[in-house]
Amino acid sequence: MPENNKVKITQIKSSIGRLPGHRRTVAALGLKKIGSSKVHTLTPSIRGMINQVGYLLKVEDV
């Protein structure tokens, strides 16, 4: 896997009223509120988190 495999993850929907596990996943990605963004290296664990709560996120390559 190349080292420059990074993604920018932005929360576009609220986690209020979602399953508790999905809320914890969004928090584990470092997102706190709508519009907040984080840059992560795309590892299998991050990819799985994105797959779980992808309906709340916007994902872009960096």
PDB file of N, CA and C in Angstrom:
ATOM      1  N   MET A   1       0.845  -1.177   0.000  1.00  0.00           N
ATOM      2  CA  MET A   1       0.000   0.000   0.000  1.00  0.00           C
ATOM      3  C   MET A   1       0.892   1.242   0.000  1.00  0.00           C
ATOM      4  N   PRO A   2       0.675   2.191  -0.900  1.00  0.00           N
ATOM      5  CA  PRO A   2       1.487   3.411  -0.920  1.00  0.00           C
ATOM      6  C   PRO A   2       1.266   4.247   0.330  1.00  0.00           C
ATOM      7  N   GLU A   3       2.292   5.007   0.692  1.00  0.00           N
ATOM      8  CA  GLU A   3       2.202   5.820   1.901  1.00  0.00           C
ATOM      9  C   GLU A   3       1.286   7.025   1.740  1.00  0.00           C
ATOM     10  N   ASN A   4       1.127   7.507   0.508  1.00  0.00           N
ATOM     11  CA  ASN A   4       0.329   8.715   0.306  1.00  0.00           C
ATOM     12  C   ASN A   4      -1.144   8.392   0.070  1.00  0.00           C
ATOM     13  N   ASN A   5      -1.607   7.275   0.579  1.00  0.00           N
ATOM     14  CA  ASN A   5      -2.985   6.840   0.417  1.00  0.00           C
ATOM     15  C   ASN A   5      -3.831   7.489   1.516  1.00  0.00           C
ATOM     16  N   LYS A   6      -4.144   8.782   1.366  1.00  0.00           N
ATOM     17  CA  LYS A   6      -4.878   9.510   2.394  1.00  0.00           C
ATOM     18  C   LYS A   6      -6.244   9.932   1.873  1.00  0.00           C
ATOM     19  N   VAL A   7      -7.184  10.018   2.790  1.00  0.00           N
ATOM     20  CA  VAL A   7      -8.534  10.469   2.462  1.00  0.00           C
ATOM     21  C   VAL A   7      -8.956  11.561   3.444  1.00  0.00           C
ATOM     22  N   LYS A   8      -9.746  12.492   2.935  1.00  0.00           N
ATOM     23  CA  LYS A   8     -10.341  13.527   3.781  1.00  0.00           C
ATOM     24  C   LYS A   8     -11.786  13.118   4.013  1.00  0.00           C
ATOM     25  N   ILE A   9     -12.164  12.998   5.284  1.00  0.00           N
ATOM     26  CA  ILE A   9     -13.504  12.557   5.667  1.00  0.00           C
ATOM     27  C   ILE A   9     -14.223  13.747   6.292  1.00  0.00           C
ATOM     28  N   THR A  10     -15.400  14.077   5.755  1.00  0.00           N
ATOM     29  CA  THR A  10     -16.198  15.193   6.251  1.00  0.00           C
ATOM     30  C   THR A  10     -17.570  14.672   6.651  1.00  0.00           C
ATOM     31  N   GLN A  11     -18.034  15.072   7.825  1.00  0.00           N
ATOM     32  CA  GLN A  11     -19.367  14.680   8.270  1.00  0.00           C
ATOM     33  C   GLN A  11     -20.383  15.614   7.623  1.00  0.00           C
ATOM     34  N   ILE A  12     -21.366  15.035   6.912  1.00  0.00           N
ATOM     35  CA  ILE A  12     -22.368  15.848   6.228  1.00  0.00           C
ATOM     36  C   ILE A  12     -23.769  15.668   6.795  1.00  0.00           C
ATOM     37  N   LYS A  13     -23.969  14.676   7.655  1.00  0.00           N
ATOM     38  CA  LYS A  13     -25.261  14.463   8.298  1.00  0.00           C
ATOM     39  C   LYS A  13     -25.050  14.277   9.787  1.00  0.00           C
ATOM     40  N   SER A  14     -26.076  14.578  10.560  1.00  0.00           N
ATOM     41  CA  SER A  14     -26.008  14.462  12.008  1.00  0.00           C
ATOM     42  C   SER A  14     -26.037  13.001  12.448  1.00  0.00           C
ATOM     43  N   SER A  15     -25.391  12.730  13.571  1.00  0.00           N
ATOM     44  CA  SER A  15     -25.425  11.384  14.134  1.00  0.00           C
ATOM     45  C   SER A  15     -26.513  11.242  15.205  1.00  0.00           C
ATOM     46  N   ILE A  16     -27.287  12.307  15.417  1.00  0.00           N
ATOM     47  CA  ILE A  16     -28.380  12.253  16.388  1.00  0.00           C
ATOM     48  C   ILE A  16     -29.432  11.267  15.900  1.00  0.00           C
ATOM     49  N   GLY A  17     -29.852  10.369  16.769  1.00  0.00           N
ATOM     50  CA  GLY A  17     -30.888   9.407  16.435  1.00  0.00           C
ATOM     51  C   GLY A  17     -30.382   8.178  15.700  1.00  0.00           C
ATOM     52  N   ARG A  18     -29.083   8.066  15.511  1.00  0.00           N
ATOM     53  CA  ARG A  18     -28.505   6.907  14.831  1.00  0.00           C
ATOM     54  C   ARG A  18     -28.215   5.816  15.855  1.00  0.00           C
ATOM     55  N   LEU A  19     -27.858   4.652  15.362  1.00  0.00           N
ATOM     56  CA  LEU A  19     -27.502   3.555  16.254  1.00  0.00           C
ATOM     57  C   LEU A  19     -26.295   3.949  17.106  1.00  0.00           C
ATOM     58  N   PRO A  20     -26.254   3.507  18.358  1.00  0.00           N
ATOM     59  CA  PRO A  20     -25.133   3.867  19.234  1.00  0.00           C
ATOM     60  C   PRO A  20     -23.774   3.473  18.652  1.00  0.00           C
ATOM     61  N   GLY A  21     -23.703   2.333  17.995  1.00  0.00           N
ATOM     62  CA  GLY A  21     -22.445   1.914  17.391  1.00  0.00           C
ATOM     63  C   GLY A  21     -22.007   2.844  16.274  1.00  0.00           C
ATOM     64  N   HIS A  22     -22.954   3.366  15.522  1.00  0.00           N
ATOM     65  CA  HIS A  22     -22.629   4.303  14.451  1.00  0.00           C
ATOM     66  C   HIS A  22     -22.164   5.634  15.030  1.00  0.00           C
ATOM     67  N   ARG A  23     -22.770   6.049  16.116  1.00  0.00           N
ATOM     68  CA  ARG A  23     -22.346   7.300  16.769  1.00  0.00           C
ATOM     69  C   ARG A  23     -20.913   7.176  17.285  1.00  0.00           C
ATOM     70  N   ARG A  24     -20.599   6.013  17.864  1.00  0.00           N
ATOM     71  CA  ARG A  24     -19.237   5.792  18.369  1.00  0.00           C
ATOM     72  C   ARG A  24     -18.235   5.734  17.221  1.00  0.00           C
ATOM     73  N   THR A  25     -18.632   5.178  16.091  1.00  0.00           N
ATOM     74  CA  THR A  25     -17.740   5.092  14.940  1.00  0.00           C
ATOM     75  C   THR A  25     -17.425   6.483  14.409  1.00  0.00           C
ATOM     76  N   VAL A  26     -18.433   7.343  14.318  1.00  0.00           N
ATOM     77  CA  VAL A  26     -18.202   8.721  13.863  1.00  0.00           C
ATOM     78  C   VAL A  26     -17.257   9.432  14.828  1.00  0.00           C
ATOM     79  N   ALA A  27     -17.450   9.232  16.121  1.00  0.00           N
ATOM     80  CA  ALA A  27     -16.570   9.852  17.117  1.00  0.00           C
ATOM     81  C   ALA A  27     -15.156   9.290  17.015  1.00  0.00           C
ATOM     82  N   ALA A  28     -15.021   7.999  16.744  1.00  0.00           N
ATOM     83  CA  ALA A  28     -13.702   7.383  16.624  1.00  0.00           C
ATOM     84  C   ALA A  28     -12.955   7.896  15.392  1.00  0.00           C
ATOM     85  N   LEU A  29     -13.685   8.323  14.384  1.00  0.00           N
ATOM     86  CA  LEU A  29     -13.052   8.930  13.213  1.00  0.00           C
ATOM     87  C   LEU A  29     -12.587  10.356  13.499  1.00  0.00           C
ATOM     88  N   GLY A  30     -12.945  10.883  14.664  1.00  0.00           N
ATOM     89  CA  GLY A  30     -12.509  12.222  15.057  1.00  0.00           C
ATOM     90  C   GLY A  30     -13.455  13.322  14.628  1.00  0.00           C
ATOM     91  N   LEU A  31     -14.681  12.963  14.256  1.00  0.00           N
ATOM     92  CA  LEU A  31     -15.653  13.951  13.802  1.00  0.00           C
ATOM     93  C   LEU A  31     -16.596  14.290  14.944  1.00  0.00           C
ATOM     94  N   LYS A  32     -16.854  15.585  15.133  1.00  0.00           N
ATOM     95  CA  LYS A  32     -17.662  16.007  16.265  1.00  0.00           C
ATOM     96  C   LYS A  32     -18.980  16.626  15.861  1.00  0.00           C
ATOM     97  N   LYS A  33     -19.015  17.317  14.727  1.00  0.00           N
ATOM     98  CA  LYS A  33     -20.264  17.943  14.300  1.00  0.00           C
ATOM     99  C   LYS A  33     -20.289  18.058  12.784  1.00  0.00           C
ATOM    100  N   ILE A  34     -21.428  18.430  12.250  1.00  0.00           N
ATOM    101  CA  ILE A  34     -21.582  18.547  10.804  1.00  0.00           C
ATOM    102  C   ILE A  34     -20.588  19.580  10.275  1.00  0.00           C
ATOM    103  N   GLY A  35     -19.899  19.211   9.215  1.00  0.00           N
ATOM    104  CA  GLY A  35     -18.916  20.098   8.608  1.00  0.00           C
ATOM    105  C   GLY A  35     -17.499  19.865   9.090  1.00  0.00           C
ATOM    106  N   SER A  36     -17.317  19.101  10.149  1.00  0.00           N
ATOM    107  CA  SER A  36     -15.961  18.837  10.623  1.00  0.00           C
ATOM    108  C   SER A  36     -15.285  17.813   9.715  1.00  0.00           C
ATOM    109  N   SER A  37     -13.975  17.972   9.541  1.00  0.00           N
ATOM    110  CA  SER A  37     -13.211  17.110   8.635  1.00  0.00           C
ATOM    111  C   SER A  37     -11.952  16.611   9.312  1.00  0.00           C
ATOM    112  N   LYS A  38     -11.499  15.459   8.863  1.00  0.00           N
ATOM    113  CA  LYS A  38     -10.236  14.877   9.306  1.00  0.00           C
ATOM    114  C   LYS A  38      -9.583  14.204   8.114  1.00  0.00           C
ATOM    115  N   VAL A  39      -8.258  14.168   8.124  1.00  0.00           N
ATOM    116  CA  VAL A  39      -7.507  13.450   7.102  1.00  0.00           C
ATOM    117  C   VAL A  39      -6.943  12.195   7.754  1.00  0.00           C
ATOM    118  N   HIS A  40      -7.214  11.040   7.152  1.00  0.00           N
ATOM    119  CA  HIS A  40      -6.748   9.760   7.666  1.00  0.00           C
ATOM    120  C   HIS A  40      -6.000   9.010   6.572  1.00  0.00           C
ATOM    121  N   THR A  41      -5.033   8.193   6.974  1.00  0.00           N
ATOM    122  CA  THR A  41      -4.422   7.243   6.068  1.00  0.00           C
ATOM    123  C   THR A  41      -5.410   6.107   5.861  1.00  0.00           C
ATOM    124  N   LEU A  42      -5.592   5.695   4.620  1.00  0.00           N
ATOM    125  CA  LEU A  42      -6.603   4.693   4.300  1.00  0.00           C
ATOM    126  C   LEU A  42      -6.072   3.299   4.622  1.00  0.00           C
ATOM    127  N   THR A  43      -6.401   2.822   5.828  1.00  0.00           N
ATOM    128  CA  THR A  43      -6.038   1.482   6.272  1.00  0.00           C
ATOM    129  C   THR A  43      -7.296   0.624   6.238  1.00  0.00           C
ATOM    130  N   PRO A  44      -7.170  -0.686   6.358  1.00  0.00           N
ATOM    131  CA  PRO A  44      -8.367  -1.532   6.376  1.00  0.00           C
ATOM    132  C   PRO A  44      -9.354  -1.176   7.485  1.00  0.00           C
ATOM    133  N   SER A  45      -8.868  -0.777   8.646  1.00  0.00           N
ATOM    134  CA  SER A  45      -9.779  -0.422   9.737  1.00  0.00           C
ATOM    135  C   SER A  45     -10.534   0.873   9.438  1.00  0.00           C
ATOM    136  N   ILE A  46      -9.857   1.866   8.888  1.00  0.00           N
ATOM    137  CA  ILE A  46     -10.516   3.120   8.521  1.00  0.00           C
ATOM    138  C   ILE A  46     -11.512   2.871   7.393  1.00  0.00           C
ATOM    139  N   ARG A  47     -11.141   2.028   6.443  1.00  0.00           N
ATOM    140  CA  ARG A  47     -12.036   1.697   5.335  1.00  0.00           C
ATOM    141  C   ARG A  47     -13.319   1.030   5.850  1.00  0.00           C
ATOM    142  N   GLY A  48     -13.202   0.154   6.849  1.00  0.00           N
ATOM    143  CA  GLY A  48     -14.367  -0.495   7.434  1.00  0.00           C
ATOM    144  C   GLY A  48     -15.259   0.497   8.163  1.00  0.00           C
ATOM    145  N   MET A  49     -14.649   1.460   8.848  1.00  0.00           N
ATOM    146  CA  MET A  49     -15.428   2.486   9.540  1.00  0.00           C
ATOM    147  C   MET A  49     -16.199   3.340   8.533  1.00  0.00           C
ATOM    148  N   ILE A  50     -15.535   3.675   7.425  1.00  0.00           N
ATOM    149  CA  ILE A  50     -16.193   4.463   6.380  1.00  0.00           C
ATOM    150  C   ILE A  50     -17.354   3.677   5.783  1.00  0.00           C
ATOM    151  N   ASN A  51     -17.161   2.381   5.565  1.00  0.00           N
ATOM    152  CA  ASN A  51     -18.237   1.554   5.016  1.00  0.00           C
ATOM    153  C   ASN A  51     -19.435   1.489   5.953  1.00  0.00           C
ATOM    154  N   GLN A  52     -19.180   1.482   7.266  1.00  0.00           N
ATOM    155  CA  GLN A  52     -20.264   1.366   8.234  1.00  0.00           C
ATOM    156  C   GLN A  52     -21.114   2.628   8.286  1.00  0.00           C
ATOM    157  N   VAL A  53     -20.495   3.787   8.270  1.00  0.00           N
ATOM    158  CA  VAL A  53     -21.239   5.043   8.437  1.00  0.00           C
ATOM    159  C   VAL A  53     -21.093   5.952   7.222  1.00  0.00           C
ATOM    160  N   GLY A  54     -20.900   5.370   6.064  1.00  0.00           N
ATOM    161  CA  GLY A  54     -20.706   6.145   4.843  1.00  0.00           C
ATOM    162  C   GLY A  54     -21.868   7.044   4.497  1.00  0.00           C
ATOM    163  N   TYR A  55     -23.061   6.711   4.965  1.00  0.00           N
ATOM    164  CA  TYR A  55     -24.231   7.526   4.666  1.00  0.00           C
ATOM    165  C   TYR A  55     -24.222   8.855   5.428  1.00  0.00           C
ATOM    166  N   LEU A  56     -23.314   9.006   6.395  1.00  0.00           N
ATOM    167  CA  LEU A  56     -23.186  10.254   7.139  1.00  0.00           C
ATOM    168  C   LEU A  56     -21.999  11.085   6.675  1.00  0.00           C
ATOM    169  N   LEU A  57     -21.181  10.546   5.767  1.00  0.00           N
ATOM    170  CA  LEU A  57     -19.892  11.133   5.431  1.00  0.00           C
ATOM    171  C   LEU A  57     -19.743  11.477   3.959  1.00  0.00           C
ATOM    172  N   LYS A  58     -18.789  12.358   3.697  1.00  0.00           N
ATOM    173  CA  LYS A  58     -18.307  12.601   2.344  1.00  0.00           C
ATOM    174  C   LYS A  58     -16.809  12.269   2.385  1.00  0.00           C
ATOM    175  N   VAL A  59     -16.353  11.439   1.450  1.00  0.00           N
ATOM    176  CA  VAL A  59     -14.959  10.992   1.447  1.00  0.00           C
ATOM    177  C   VAL A  59     -14.297  11.463   0.156  1.00  0.00           C
ATOM    178  N   GLU A  60     -13.135  12.111   0.310  1.00  0.00           N
ATOM    179  CA  GLU A  60     -12.383  12.634  -0.837  1.00  0.00           C
ATOM    180  C   GLU A  60     -10.935  12.157  -0.738  1.00  0.00           C
ATOM    181  N   ASP A  61     -10.311  11.885  -1.888  1.00  0.00           N
ATOM    182  CA  ASP A  61      -8.883  11.583  -1.914  1.00  0.00           C
ATOM    183  C   ASP A  61      -8.085  12.860  -1.699  1.00  0.00           C
ATOM    184  N   VAL A  62      -6.958  12.727  -1.013  1.00  0.00           N
ATOM    185  CA  VAL A  62      -6.078  13.889  -0.778  1.00  0.00           C
ATOM    186  C   VAL A  62      -4.806  13.692  -1.583  1.00  0.00           C
TER     187      VAL A  62
END
